Every structure is written in structure tokens, then in C-alpha cells.
Amino acid sequence: MRTVLITAFAPFGGEQINPSWEAVRQLDERMIGGCKVVAKELPCAFGDALTALYVEMEALQPELVIAVGQAGGRADITVERVGININDARIADNNGNQPIDEPIVPGGPAAYFATLPIKAIVGGIREAGIPASVSQTAGTYVCNHVMYGLLHRLAQQGDNARGGFIHIPYLPEQAVNHPGAPSMAAQTVILALEMAITIALRTEQDLRLSGGATH
């Protein structure tokens, strides 16, 4: 059976929940675009997150992999363009590790571009009335660690599987503890992720639309 692997993270940074898992787990075993969706939670920890991801990729041989993570402070669904080969943690991960200026893959390329149709995904989500944009940075924490590691593994495999990363805002129940921070309801996030999967499965050539940034 054709499969899509979608991952999320455990809570981190003092949060009691992670909105990525709260949304992603609702997609487990759904049929979307003729594929079975498999949702897996990754530890928010350098190294361990990629180990867990690679186990699932090996077992499932998915044709599409989308990793999802929390971006507290962002107001919309942000589809990441690029993962860079650096770990530079502002805070320790859930294992207490805080790598600084360390490569994810020693000797690996400086960066990988997502192989998802990122602009088509953003455009489709916006058409549904959900705020979305292309993001030029996945940070240098565990989210970027997973994005780069995912794309590196796909490049090594050399098959037609595609992958990338999507950041989502806080849920309202988190934002109440962060005055002024934007949030997005879980059902809205779930709909956006369903659309991202559908669009990625049916779109071979990305749209040529402006998605850049001035700063």
C-alpha cells in the first residue's frame, strides 16, 4: 500500500503539549490521495529524532514524508524552503543536550531544498482561507535538524520519495500563557495538513509564484 509518513514532536521548552502532535495524530490511518497516512511522534532531541525518523522511513518506504513542528510566535502555516547543515541550540533539548555550531552531517552539503511543491501547498491552503506562507528558515534547533536529516536521507536513497517540513503556530490553549502570541485552532491546522498532503501527492511541478522575503 502507498503510504505517507507525517511526523510531529513531543512537547519541549516547558510546554505541556506540542501542537504538531495534537494535530498530526488525528491524521493517523487516514486515506488521503489513495495513500495511507501514518503519523509518528518524534522525540524533541538531537540525534534521537533522526534515529526514530529513519526507522519509520525504512519500515514504511513512504512516497511522501512531511515533518511538522511548533513555531511559537508565528501566526500562520509556514512551509519551509530549506534545511541547513547546522545544530545551534538556543535551549537544551529534552535530553539536556545543547549542541552549538555542530554539523548535522559532517561533510554533508551546506543545505537541502525541500522537495515538496511548497508554493502550491501555500497557495492551496490560502485558497481555503487559512493563513500560510513560505518560510526561508527552519531555525537551528531540532526542527531544522529533522528537516535536513530527512532531506539528506532522501537524497542518499535516490528514489522518487519527496519530503519537507511545515511549522505551525501555538494552539489557543498554549497562547493563553504567552500574552500577545498568535495561535491557530487544531481543526484549522489539521485541515491545512490534509491539504498539504493532497497537494503534494498530486503536484509534480511546483507553481512559479512569489514566496520570497525582503528580510
N, C-alpha and C. Protein backbone atom coordinates (compact mmCIF):
# COMPACT_ATOMS: atom_id res chain seq x y z
N MET A 1 0.83 -1.20 0.00
CA MET A 1 0.00 0.00 0.00
C MET A 1 0.87 1.25 0.00
N ARG A 2 0.48 2.23 -0.80
CA ARG A 2 1.18 3.51 -0.83
C ARG A 2 0.98 4.21 0.51
N THR A 3 2.06 4.79 1.03
CA THR A 3 1.98 5.42 2.35
C THR A 3 2.57 6.82 2.34
N VAL A 4 2.05 7.61 3.26
CA VAL A 4 2.59 8.93 3.58
C VAL A 4 2.97 8.92 5.06
N LEU A 5 4.18 9.30 5.36
CA LEU A 5 4.63 9.42 6.75
C LEU A 5 4.58 10.88 7.15
N ILE A 6 3.87 11.17 8.23
CA ILE A 6 3.83 12.52 8.77
C ILE A 6 4.25 12.45 10.23
N THR A 7 5.19 13.29 10.61
CA THR A 7 5.74 13.23 11.96
C THR A 7 5.51 14.54 12.71
N ALA A 8 5.61 14.44 14.02
CA ALA A 8 5.48 15.60 14.90
C ALA A 8 6.41 15.38 16.08
N PHE A 9 6.43 16.34 16.98
CA PHE A 9 7.35 16.28 18.11
C PHE A 9 6.62 16.20 19.45
N ALA A 10 7.34 15.65 20.41
CA ALA A 10 6.91 15.69 21.80
C ALA A 10 7.02 17.13 22.31
N PRO A 11 6.31 17.46 23.40
CA PRO A 11 6.43 18.82 23.97
C PRO A 11 7.87 19.14 24.37
N PHE A 12 8.21 20.42 24.32
CA PHE A 12 9.55 20.86 24.71
C PHE A 12 9.47 22.29 25.23
N GLY A 13 10.56 22.75 25.80
CA GLY A 13 10.66 24.14 26.22
C GLY A 13 9.67 24.54 27.30
N GLY A 14 9.25 23.58 28.13
CA GLY A 14 8.33 23.88 29.21
C GLY A 14 6.87 23.79 28.85
N GLU A 15 6.54 23.53 27.57
CA GLU A 15 5.14 23.39 27.16
C GLU A 15 4.60 22.03 27.59
N GLN A 16 3.30 22.00 27.89
CA GLN A 16 2.66 20.75 28.30
C GLN A 16 2.22 19.92 27.10
N ILE A 17 2.01 20.57 25.97
CA ILE A 17 1.63 19.88 24.74
C ILE A 17 2.47 20.43 23.60
N ASN A 18 2.52 19.69 22.52
CA ASN A 18 3.11 20.20 21.29
C ASN A 18 2.01 20.21 20.24
N PRO A 19 1.68 21.38 19.67
CA PRO A 19 0.57 21.44 18.73
C PRO A 19 0.78 20.57 17.50
N SER A 20 2.04 20.32 17.16
CA SER A 20 2.29 19.47 15.99
C SER A 20 1.73 18.07 16.21
N TRP A 21 1.97 17.49 17.37
CA TRP A 21 1.46 16.14 17.64
C TRP A 21 -0.04 16.15 17.85
N GLU A 22 -0.56 17.18 18.50
CA GLU A 22 -2.01 17.25 18.71
C GLU A 22 -2.76 17.24 17.37
N ALA A 23 -2.18 17.84 16.35
CA ALA A 23 -2.80 17.85 15.03
C ALA A 23 -2.47 16.59 14.24
N VAL A 24 -1.21 16.24 14.19
CA VAL A 24 -0.76 15.14 13.33
C VAL A 24 -1.37 13.81 13.74
N ARG A 25 -1.52 13.58 15.04
CA ARG A 25 -2.06 12.28 15.47
C ARG A 25 -3.48 12.05 14.98
N GLN A 26 -4.19 13.14 14.66
CA GLN A 26 -5.55 13.00 14.16
C GLN A 26 -5.58 12.49 12.71
N LEU A 27 -4.43 12.50 12.05
CA LEU A 27 -4.36 12.05 10.66
C LEU A 27 -3.94 10.59 10.53
N ASP A 28 -3.57 9.97 11.64
CA ASP A 28 -3.09 8.59 11.58
C ASP A 28 -4.14 7.65 11.00
N GLU A 29 -3.73 6.87 10.02
CA GLU A 29 -4.55 5.87 9.33
C GLU A 29 -5.63 6.47 8.42
N ARG A 30 -5.58 7.77 8.19
CA ARG A 30 -6.48 8.36 7.21
C ARG A 30 -6.03 7.93 5.80
N MET A 31 -6.97 7.86 4.89
CA MET A 31 -6.67 7.66 3.48
C MET A 31 -6.78 9.00 2.78
N ILE A 32 -5.67 9.47 2.22
CA ILE A 32 -5.64 10.76 1.52
C ILE A 32 -4.94 10.54 0.18
N GLY A 33 -5.60 10.90 -0.89
CA GLY A 33 -5.00 10.78 -2.21
C GLY A 33 -4.59 9.37 -2.57
N GLY A 34 -5.32 8.39 -2.05
CA GLY A 34 -5.00 6.99 -2.34
C GLY A 34 -3.87 6.43 -1.51
N CYS A 35 -3.42 7.18 -0.53
CA CYS A 35 -2.32 6.72 0.34
C CYS A 35 -2.80 6.62 1.78
N LYS A 36 -2.23 5.67 2.49
CA LYS A 36 -2.49 5.56 3.92
C LYS A 36 -1.52 6.47 4.67
N VAL A 37 -2.06 7.32 5.52
CA VAL A 37 -1.23 8.23 6.30
C VAL A 37 -0.83 7.55 7.61
N VAL A 38 0.44 7.58 7.91
CA VAL A 38 0.96 7.04 9.17
C VAL A 38 1.57 8.20 9.95
N ALA A 39 1.08 8.43 11.15
CA ALA A 39 1.57 9.53 11.99
C ALA A 39 2.47 8.98 13.09
N LYS A 40 3.61 9.60 13.30
CA LYS A 40 4.55 9.18 14.33
C LYS A 40 5.07 10.39 15.10
N GLU A 41 5.19 10.21 16.41
CA GLU A 41 5.76 11.26 17.25
C GLU A 41 7.25 11.03 17.40
N LEU A 42 8.03 12.08 17.18
CA LEU A 42 9.47 12.03 17.34
C LEU A 42 9.88 12.68 18.65
N PRO A 43 10.94 12.20 19.29
CA PRO A 43 11.44 12.89 20.47
C PRO A 43 12.04 14.23 20.09
N CYS A 44 11.87 15.21 20.94
CA CYS A 44 12.48 16.53 20.68
C CYS A 44 13.90 16.48 21.22
N ALA A 45 14.75 15.78 20.48
CA ALA A 45 16.12 15.56 20.92
C ALA A 45 17.02 15.36 19.71
N PHE A 46 18.13 16.05 19.70
CA PHE A 46 19.10 15.90 18.62
C PHE A 46 19.55 14.45 18.54
N GLY A 47 19.71 13.94 17.36
CA GLY A 47 20.15 12.56 17.18
C GLY A 47 19.01 11.58 17.30
N ASP A 48 18.37 11.53 18.46
CA ASP A 48 17.29 10.57 18.68
C ASP A 48 16.12 10.80 17.72
N ALA A 49 15.86 12.07 17.39
CA ALA A 49 14.75 12.36 16.47
C ALA A 49 15.01 11.75 15.10
N LEU A 50 16.23 11.88 14.61
CA LEU A 50 16.54 11.31 13.30
C LEU A 50 16.59 9.79 13.34
N THR A 51 17.08 9.24 14.44
CA THR A 51 17.09 7.77 14.56
C THR A 51 15.67 7.23 14.45
N ALA A 52 14.74 7.86 15.17
CA ALA A 52 13.34 7.43 15.13
C ALA A 52 12.74 7.63 13.75
N LEU A 53 13.05 8.75 13.11
CA LEU A 53 12.54 9.02 11.77
C LEU A 53 13.03 7.98 10.77
N TYR A 54 14.31 7.66 10.82
CA TYR A 54 14.87 6.71 9.85
C TYR A 54 14.30 5.31 10.02
N VAL A 55 14.01 4.94 11.26
CA VAL A 55 13.38 3.63 11.50
C VAL A 55 12.03 3.56 10.79
N GLU A 56 11.24 4.62 10.92
CA GLU A 56 9.92 4.64 10.29
C GLU A 56 10.03 4.69 8.77
N MET A 57 10.97 5.45 8.25
CA MET A 57 11.15 5.52 6.81
C MET A 57 11.56 4.16 6.24
N GLU A 58 12.42 3.47 6.94
CA GLU A 58 12.85 2.15 6.48
C GLU A 58 11.71 1.16 6.50
N ALA A 59 10.88 1.22 7.54
CA ALA A 59 9.78 0.27 7.67
C ALA A 59 8.67 0.53 6.66
N LEU A 60 8.37 1.78 6.41
CA LEU A 60 7.21 2.14 5.59
C LEU A 60 7.53 2.35 4.12
N GLN A 61 8.74 2.76 3.82
CA GLN A 61 9.11 3.14 2.45
C GLN A 61 8.07 4.11 1.86
N PRO A 62 7.80 5.20 2.56
CA PRO A 62 6.75 6.13 2.12
C PRO A 62 7.16 6.87 0.85
N GLU A 63 6.15 7.30 0.10
CA GLU A 63 6.45 8.10 -1.08
C GLU A 63 6.45 9.59 -0.75
N LEU A 64 6.00 9.92 0.44
CA LEU A 64 5.98 11.31 0.89
C LEU A 64 6.21 11.35 2.38
N VAL A 65 7.10 12.25 2.82
CA VAL A 65 7.37 12.44 4.24
C VAL A 65 7.24 13.92 4.56
N ILE A 66 6.36 14.24 5.49
CA ILE A 66 6.20 15.62 5.94
C ILE A 66 6.42 15.65 7.45
N ALA A 67 7.42 16.40 7.87
CA ALA A 67 7.66 16.60 9.30
C ALA A 67 7.00 17.92 9.70
N VAL A 68 6.41 17.93 10.88
CA VAL A 68 5.67 19.10 11.37
C VAL A 68 6.20 19.48 12.74
N GLY A 69 6.32 20.77 12.99
CA GLY A 69 6.82 21.22 14.27
C GLY A 69 6.18 22.52 14.73
N GLN A 70 6.34 22.81 16.00
CA GLN A 70 5.81 24.03 16.62
C GLN A 70 6.72 25.21 16.34
N ALA A 71 6.11 26.33 15.96
CA ALA A 71 6.83 27.59 15.82
C ALA A 71 6.08 28.65 16.60
N GLY A 72 6.25 28.64 17.90
CA GLY A 72 5.59 29.62 18.75
C GLY A 72 5.97 31.03 18.35
N GLY A 73 4.97 31.89 18.14
CA GLY A 73 5.22 33.26 17.70
C GLY A 73 4.86 33.48 16.25
N ARG A 74 4.87 32.42 15.44
CA ARG A 74 4.42 32.56 14.06
C ARG A 74 2.89 32.52 14.02
N ALA A 75 2.34 33.26 13.05
CA ALA A 75 0.89 33.42 13.00
C ALA A 75 0.22 32.54 11.96
N ASP A 76 1.01 31.90 11.09
CA ASP A 76 0.40 31.14 10.00
C ASP A 76 1.09 29.80 9.81
N ILE A 77 0.53 29.01 8.90
CA ILE A 77 1.16 27.76 8.50
C ILE A 77 2.35 28.12 7.63
N THR A 78 3.54 27.72 8.02
CA THR A 78 4.73 28.10 7.26
C THR A 78 5.41 26.85 6.70
N VAL A 79 5.48 26.80 5.39
CA VAL A 79 6.09 25.68 4.68
C VAL A 79 7.55 26.02 4.43
N GLU A 80 8.44 25.21 4.96
CA GLU A 80 9.86 25.54 4.93
C GLU A 80 10.49 25.26 3.57
N ARG A 81 11.33 26.20 3.14
CA ARG A 81 12.02 26.06 1.87
C ARG A 81 13.32 25.27 1.98
N VAL A 82 14.10 25.49 3.08
CA VAL A 82 15.46 24.97 3.11
C VAL A 82 15.84 24.51 4.51
N GLY A 83 16.59 23.42 4.58
CA GLY A 83 17.19 22.95 5.83
C GLY A 83 18.70 23.10 5.73
N ILE A 84 19.34 23.61 6.78
CA ILE A 84 20.78 23.86 6.73
C ILE A 84 21.53 22.90 7.66
N ASN A 85 22.79 22.66 7.32
CA ASN A 85 23.59 21.65 7.99
C ASN A 85 24.26 22.20 9.25
N ILE A 86 23.44 22.59 10.23
CA ILE A 86 23.99 23.11 11.47
C ILE A 86 23.02 22.87 12.63
N ASN A 87 23.57 22.46 13.75
CA ASN A 87 22.86 22.44 15.03
C ASN A 87 23.42 23.58 15.87
N ASP A 88 22.55 24.49 16.28
CA ASP A 88 22.98 25.61 17.12
C ASP A 88 21.82 25.92 18.05
N ALA A 89 21.78 25.23 19.19
CA ALA A 89 20.61 25.23 20.05
C ALA A 89 20.61 26.39 21.04
N ARG A 90 19.53 27.17 21.01
CA ARG A 90 19.37 28.25 21.98
C ARG A 90 19.05 27.71 23.36
N ILE A 91 18.30 26.59 23.39
CA ILE A 91 17.96 25.91 24.64
C ILE A 91 18.33 24.44 24.51
N ALA A 92 18.46 23.77 25.63
CA ALA A 92 18.76 22.34 25.61
C ALA A 92 17.55 21.56 25.09
N ASP A 93 17.81 20.41 24.46
CA ASP A 93 16.72 19.55 24.02
C ASP A 93 16.19 18.74 25.21
N ASN A 94 15.27 17.84 24.94
CA ASN A 94 14.64 17.10 26.03
C ASN A 94 15.56 16.09 26.69
N ASN A 95 16.73 15.86 26.12
CA ASN A 95 17.75 15.01 26.76
C ASN A 95 18.80 15.84 27.48
N GLY A 96 18.63 17.15 27.46
CA GLY A 96 19.60 18.03 28.11
C GLY A 96 20.78 18.39 27.24
N ASN A 97 20.75 18.04 25.97
CA ASN A 97 21.86 18.34 25.07
C ASN A 97 21.64 19.70 24.41
N GLN A 98 22.72 20.44 24.23
CA GLN A 98 22.66 21.77 23.62
C GLN A 98 23.84 21.96 22.67
N PRO A 99 23.81 21.29 21.51
CA PRO A 99 24.92 21.45 20.57
C PRO A 99 25.00 22.86 20.02
N ILE A 100 26.21 23.34 19.86
CA ILE A 100 26.43 24.69 19.34
C ILE A 100 27.42 24.61 18.18
N ASP A 101 27.00 25.14 17.03
CA ASP A 101 27.84 25.20 15.84
C ASP A 101 28.39 23.84 15.44
N GLU A 102 27.53 22.82 15.49
CA GLU A 102 27.92 21.47 15.09
C GLU A 102 27.15 21.05 13.84
N PRO A 103 27.81 20.43 12.88
CA PRO A 103 27.10 19.98 11.68
C PRO A 103 26.15 18.83 12.02
N ILE A 104 25.05 18.77 11.30
CA ILE A 104 24.14 17.63 11.44
C ILE A 104 24.77 16.41 10.79
N VAL A 105 25.30 16.59 9.60
CA VAL A 105 26.00 15.53 8.87
C VAL A 105 27.40 16.04 8.55
N PRO A 106 28.43 15.62 9.28
CA PRO A 106 29.78 16.08 8.98
C PRO A 106 30.15 15.82 7.52
N GLY A 107 30.59 16.86 6.84
CA GLY A 107 30.96 16.73 5.44
C GLY A 107 29.79 16.77 4.48
N GLY A 108 28.57 16.90 5.00
CA GLY A 108 27.39 16.95 4.14
C GLY A 108 27.24 18.30 3.47
N PRO A 109 26.34 18.39 2.49
CA PRO A 109 26.10 19.68 1.83
C PRO A 109 25.67 20.75 2.84
N ALA A 110 25.92 22.00 2.51
CA ALA A 110 25.56 23.09 3.41
C ALA A 110 24.06 23.15 3.64
N ALA A 111 23.26 22.77 2.63
CA ALA A 111 21.82 22.88 2.74
C ALA A 111 21.14 21.97 1.73
N TYR A 112 19.87 21.69 2.00
CA TYR A 112 19.00 20.99 1.06
C TYR A 112 17.71 21.80 0.93
N PHE A 113 17.20 21.88 -0.29
CA PHE A 113 15.88 22.45 -0.50
C PHE A 113 14.82 21.36 -0.33
N ALA A 114 13.69 21.74 0.26
CA ALA A 114 12.56 20.82 0.35
C ALA A 114 12.19 20.34 -1.04
N THR A 115 11.75 19.09 -1.13
CA THR A 115 11.31 18.55 -2.42
C THR A 115 9.79 18.51 -2.52
N LEU A 116 9.12 19.16 -1.59
CA LEU A 116 7.68 19.35 -1.67
C LEU A 116 7.37 20.51 -2.63
N PRO A 117 6.17 20.52 -3.22
CA PRO A 117 5.75 21.69 -4.00
C PRO A 117 5.30 22.79 -3.05
N ILE A 118 6.28 23.49 -2.47
CA ILE A 118 5.98 24.36 -1.33
C ILE A 118 5.04 25.51 -1.69
N LYS A 119 5.19 26.07 -2.89
CA LYS A 119 4.35 27.21 -3.24
C LYS A 119 2.93 26.76 -3.60
N ALA A 120 2.82 25.59 -4.21
CA ALA A 120 1.48 25.06 -4.48
C ALA A 120 0.76 24.76 -3.17
N ILE A 121 1.48 24.25 -2.18
CA ILE A 121 0.88 23.97 -0.88
C ILE A 121 0.41 25.26 -0.22
N VAL A 122 1.28 26.26 -0.20
CA VAL A 122 0.91 27.54 0.40
C VAL A 122 -0.30 28.15 -0.31
N GLY A 123 -0.28 28.11 -1.63
CA GLY A 123 -1.39 28.67 -2.39
C GLY A 123 -2.71 27.96 -2.12
N GLY A 124 -2.66 26.63 -2.05
CA GLY A 124 -3.88 25.87 -1.78
C GLY A 124 -4.44 26.12 -0.40
N ILE A 125 -3.56 26.21 0.59
CA ILE A 125 -4.00 26.48 1.95
C ILE A 125 -4.61 27.87 2.05
N ARG A 126 -4.00 28.83 1.40
CA ARG A 126 -4.55 30.19 1.41
C ARG A 126 -5.93 30.25 0.75
N GLU A 127 -6.08 29.51 -0.34
CA GLU A 127 -7.37 29.50 -1.03
C GLU A 127 -8.48 28.95 -0.13
N ALA A 128 -8.11 28.12 0.82
CA ALA A 128 -9.08 27.59 1.78
C ALA A 128 -9.35 28.57 2.91
N GLY A 129 -8.74 29.76 2.86
CA GLY A 129 -8.97 30.77 3.89
C GLY A 129 -8.12 30.61 5.13
N ILE A 130 -7.03 29.86 5.00
CA ILE A 130 -6.13 29.63 6.13
C ILE A 130 -4.82 30.37 5.87
N PRO A 131 -4.35 31.20 6.81
CA PRO A 131 -3.09 31.92 6.61
C PRO A 131 -1.92 30.96 6.41
N ALA A 132 -1.12 31.20 5.39
CA ALA A 132 0.03 30.34 5.09
C ALA A 132 1.07 31.14 4.33
N SER A 133 2.32 30.73 4.45
CA SER A 133 3.40 31.40 3.73
C SER A 133 4.58 30.46 3.59
N VAL A 134 5.48 30.81 2.67
CA VAL A 134 6.76 30.12 2.56
C VAL A 134 7.69 30.70 3.62
N SER A 135 8.40 29.82 4.32
CA SER A 135 9.39 30.26 5.30
C SER A 135 10.79 29.98 4.75
N GLN A 136 11.68 30.91 4.99
CA GLN A 136 13.05 30.78 4.48
C GLN A 136 13.99 30.15 5.51
N THR A 137 13.51 29.89 6.71
CA THR A 137 14.37 29.29 7.73
C THR A 137 13.58 28.41 8.68
N ALA A 138 14.09 27.22 8.91
CA ALA A 138 13.51 26.31 9.89
C ALA A 138 14.23 26.42 11.22
N GLY A 139 15.04 27.48 11.39
CA GLY A 139 15.78 27.65 12.64
C GLY A 139 17.03 26.80 12.66
N THR A 140 17.57 26.61 13.85
CA THR A 140 18.77 25.77 14.02
C THR A 140 18.60 24.79 15.18
N TYR A 141 17.33 24.54 15.53
CA TYR A 141 17.03 23.63 16.64
C TYR A 141 16.63 22.27 16.07
N VAL A 142 15.85 21.50 16.79
CA VAL A 142 15.56 20.12 16.38
C VAL A 142 14.70 20.07 15.12
N CYS A 143 13.88 21.08 14.87
CA CYS A 143 13.08 21.10 13.64
C CYS A 143 13.98 21.11 12.41
N ASN A 144 14.93 22.03 12.38
CA ASN A 144 15.86 22.06 11.26
C ASN A 144 16.70 20.79 11.20
N HIS A 145 17.08 20.28 12.36
CA HIS A 145 17.83 19.03 12.45
C HIS A 145 17.10 17.91 11.72
N VAL A 146 15.80 17.81 11.96
CA VAL A 146 14.99 16.77 11.32
C VAL A 146 14.80 17.07 9.83
N MET A 147 14.54 18.32 9.49
CA MET A 147 14.35 18.65 8.08
C MET A 147 15.59 18.31 7.27
N TYR A 148 16.74 18.76 7.73
CA TYR A 148 17.97 18.48 6.99
C TYR A 148 18.24 16.98 6.94
N GLY A 149 18.10 16.32 8.08
CA GLY A 149 18.35 14.89 8.12
C GLY A 149 17.42 14.09 7.22
N LEU A 150 16.16 14.51 7.16
CA LEU A 150 15.19 13.87 6.28
C LEU A 150 15.61 14.03 4.82
N LEU A 151 15.92 15.26 4.42
CA LEU A 151 16.27 15.51 3.03
C LEU A 151 17.59 14.85 2.65
N HIS A 152 18.50 14.77 3.60
CA HIS A 152 19.76 14.07 3.35
C HIS A 152 19.51 12.59 3.09
N ARG A 153 18.66 11.97 3.88
CA ARG A 153 18.35 10.55 3.69
C ARG A 153 17.65 10.32 2.35
N LEU A 154 16.72 11.19 1.98
CA LEU A 154 16.04 11.04 0.70
C LEU A 154 17.03 11.20 -0.46
N ALA A 155 17.97 12.13 -0.33
CA ALA A 155 18.97 12.31 -1.37
C ALA A 155 19.86 11.09 -1.49
N GLN A 156 20.19 10.48 -0.37
CA GLN A 156 21.01 9.27 -0.38
C GLN A 156 20.27 8.11 -1.04
N GLN A 157 18.97 8.00 -0.79
CA GLN A 157 18.19 6.91 -1.33
C GLN A 157 18.07 7.01 -2.85
N GLY A 158 17.99 8.25 -3.35
CA GLY A 158 17.95 8.45 -4.77
C GLY A 158 16.68 7.97 -5.46
N ASP A 159 15.58 7.80 -4.68
CA ASP A 159 14.32 7.38 -5.31
C ASP A 159 13.42 8.59 -5.51
N ASN A 160 12.16 8.33 -5.78
CA ASN A 160 11.25 9.42 -6.08
C ASN A 160 10.49 9.96 -4.86
N ALA A 161 10.80 9.44 -3.67
CA ALA A 161 10.13 9.93 -2.47
C ALA A 161 10.48 11.40 -2.26
N ARG A 162 9.51 12.15 -1.76
CA ARG A 162 9.71 13.57 -1.53
C ARG A 162 9.46 13.91 -0.06
N GLY A 163 10.02 15.04 0.37
CA GLY A 163 9.85 15.39 1.77
C GLY A 163 10.09 16.85 2.06
N GLY A 164 9.68 17.26 3.25
CA GLY A 164 9.88 18.62 3.69
C GLY A 164 9.32 18.83 5.07
N PHE A 165 9.22 20.09 5.46
CA PHE A 165 8.88 20.44 6.84
C PHE A 165 7.86 21.58 6.84
N ILE A 166 6.91 21.49 7.77
CA ILE A 166 5.90 22.53 7.96
C ILE A 166 5.88 22.95 9.43
N HIS A 167 5.97 24.25 9.67
CA HIS A 167 5.83 24.78 11.03
C HIS A 167 4.40 25.29 11.24
N ILE A 168 3.91 25.12 12.45
CA ILE A 168 2.57 25.58 12.80
C ILE A 168 2.61 26.44 14.06
N PRO A 169 1.61 27.32 14.25
CA PRO A 169 1.59 28.19 15.44
C PRO A 169 1.20 27.42 16.71
N TYR A 170 1.25 28.14 17.82
CA TYR A 170 0.69 27.63 19.07
C TYR A 170 -0.79 27.32 18.90
N LEU A 171 -1.29 26.39 19.70
CA LEU A 171 -2.73 26.23 19.86
C LEU A 171 -3.22 27.31 20.84
N PRO A 172 -4.52 27.65 20.80
CA PRO A 172 -5.03 28.68 21.71
C PRO A 172 -4.74 28.40 23.18
N GLU A 173 -4.82 27.13 23.59
CA GLU A 173 -4.59 26.80 24.99
C GLU A 173 -3.13 27.01 25.40
N GLN A 174 -2.22 27.08 24.43
CA GLN A 174 -0.84 27.46 24.74
C GLN A 174 -0.68 28.98 24.73
N ALA A 175 -1.29 29.61 23.74
CA ALA A 175 -1.11 31.06 23.58
C ALA A 175 -1.63 31.84 24.78
N VAL A 176 -2.58 31.27 25.51
CA VAL A 176 -3.10 31.97 26.68
C VAL A 176 -2.00 32.19 27.72
N ASN A 177 -0.96 31.36 27.65
CA ASN A 177 0.17 31.51 28.57
C ASN A 177 1.30 32.34 27.98
N HIS A 178 1.07 32.84 26.76
CA HIS A 178 2.07 33.69 26.09
C HIS A 178 1.35 34.94 25.58
N PRO A 179 1.08 35.88 26.45
CA PRO A 179 0.30 37.06 26.07
C PRO A 179 0.82 37.73 24.80
N GLY A 180 -0.11 37.93 23.86
CA GLY A 180 0.23 38.57 22.60
C GLY A 180 0.65 37.62 21.50
N ALA A 181 0.89 36.35 21.85
CA ALA A 181 1.31 35.39 20.84
C ALA A 181 0.13 34.94 20.00
N PRO A 182 0.31 34.81 18.68
CA PRO A 182 -0.78 34.31 17.84
C PRO A 182 -0.99 32.81 18.04
N SER A 183 -2.15 32.33 17.60
CA SER A 183 -2.46 30.90 17.72
C SER A 183 -3.35 30.49 16.58
N MET A 184 -3.54 29.19 16.45
CA MET A 184 -4.42 28.64 15.42
C MET A 184 -5.11 27.41 15.99
N ALA A 185 -6.41 27.28 15.74
CA ALA A 185 -7.18 26.16 16.26
C ALA A 185 -6.70 24.85 15.64
N ALA A 186 -6.78 23.77 16.43
CA ALA A 186 -6.30 22.47 15.98
C ALA A 186 -6.99 22.02 14.71
N GLN A 187 -8.31 22.20 14.61
CA GLN A 187 -9.03 21.75 13.42
C GLN A 187 -8.58 22.50 12.17
N THR A 188 -8.21 23.75 12.33
CA THR A 188 -7.70 24.52 11.19
C THR A 188 -6.35 23.97 10.75
N VAL A 189 -5.50 23.67 11.72
CA VAL A 189 -4.19 23.09 11.41
C VAL A 189 -4.36 21.74 10.72
N ILE A 190 -5.26 20.92 11.23
CA ILE A 190 -5.49 19.60 10.64
C ILE A 190 -5.92 19.73 9.18
N LEU A 191 -6.85 20.64 8.91
CA LEU A 191 -7.30 20.86 7.54
C LEU A 191 -6.14 21.28 6.66
N ALA A 192 -5.30 22.18 7.15
CA ALA A 192 -4.15 22.64 6.37
C ALA A 192 -3.20 21.50 6.06
N LEU A 193 -2.97 20.62 7.03
CA LEU A 193 -2.07 19.49 6.80
C LEU A 193 -2.67 18.48 5.84
N GLU A 194 -3.98 18.26 5.93
CA GLU A 194 -4.65 17.40 4.95
C GLU A 194 -4.45 17.95 3.53
N MET A 195 -4.62 19.25 3.40
CA MET A 195 -4.44 19.88 2.10
C MET A 195 -3.00 19.77 1.63
N ALA A 196 -2.04 19.94 2.54
CA ALA A 196 -0.63 19.84 2.17
C ALA A 196 -0.32 18.46 1.61
N ILE A 197 -0.85 17.43 2.24
CA ILE A 197 -0.62 16.06 1.76
C ILE A 197 -1.26 15.88 0.38
N THR A 198 -2.51 16.28 0.26
CA THR A 198 -3.23 16.12 -1.01
C THR A 198 -2.50 16.83 -2.15
N ILE A 199 -2.10 18.07 -1.92
CA ILE A 199 -1.43 18.85 -2.96
C ILE A 199 -0.08 18.26 -3.31
N ALA A 200 0.67 17.82 -2.30
CA ALA A 200 1.99 17.24 -2.54
C ALA A 200 1.89 15.96 -3.37
N LEU A 201 0.85 15.17 -3.13
CA LEU A 201 0.70 13.91 -3.86
C LEU A 201 0.31 14.12 -5.31
N ARG A 202 -0.41 15.19 -5.60
CA ARG A 202 -0.92 15.38 -6.96
C ARG A 202 -0.13 16.38 -7.78
N THR A 203 0.84 17.07 -7.17
CA THR A 203 1.57 18.14 -7.86
C THR A 203 3.01 17.72 -8.09
N GLU A 204 3.36 17.52 -9.35
CA GLU A 204 4.73 17.16 -9.68
C GLU A 204 5.61 18.39 -9.88
N GLN A 205 5.07 19.41 -10.51
CA GLN A 205 5.83 20.63 -10.78
C GLN A 205 5.26 21.76 -9.93
N ASP A 206 6.09 22.36 -9.10
CA ASP A 206 5.62 23.42 -8.23
C ASP A 206 5.20 24.64 -9.04
N LEU A 207 4.34 25.46 -8.45
CA LEU A 207 3.90 26.70 -9.08
C LEU A 207 5.02 27.74 -9.03
N ARG A 208 5.03 28.60 -10.01
CA ARG A 208 6.02 29.69 -10.03
C ARG A 208 5.33 30.96 -9.53
N LEU A 209 5.33 31.10 -8.22
CA LEU A 209 4.70 32.23 -7.55
C LEU A 209 5.70 32.89 -6.62
N SER A 210 5.49 34.16 -6.34
CA SER A 210 6.36 34.85 -5.40
C SER A 210 6.16 34.29 -4.00
N GLY A 211 7.26 33.91 -3.38
CA GLY A 211 7.19 33.43 -2.00
C GLY A 211 8.40 33.88 -1.20
N GLY A 212 9.08 34.88 -1.73
CA GLY A 212 10.31 35.34 -1.12
C GLY A 212 10.09 36.30 0.04
N ALA A 213 11.18 36.77 0.59
CA ALA A 213 11.13 37.69 1.72
C ALA A 213 12.18 38.77 1.52
N THR A 214 11.92 39.96 2.07
CA THR A 214 12.88 41.05 1.95
C THR A 214 13.86 41.10 3.12
N HIS A 215 13.57 40.35 4.17
CA HIS A 215 14.49 40.32 5.32
C HIS A 215 14.27 39.04 6.12
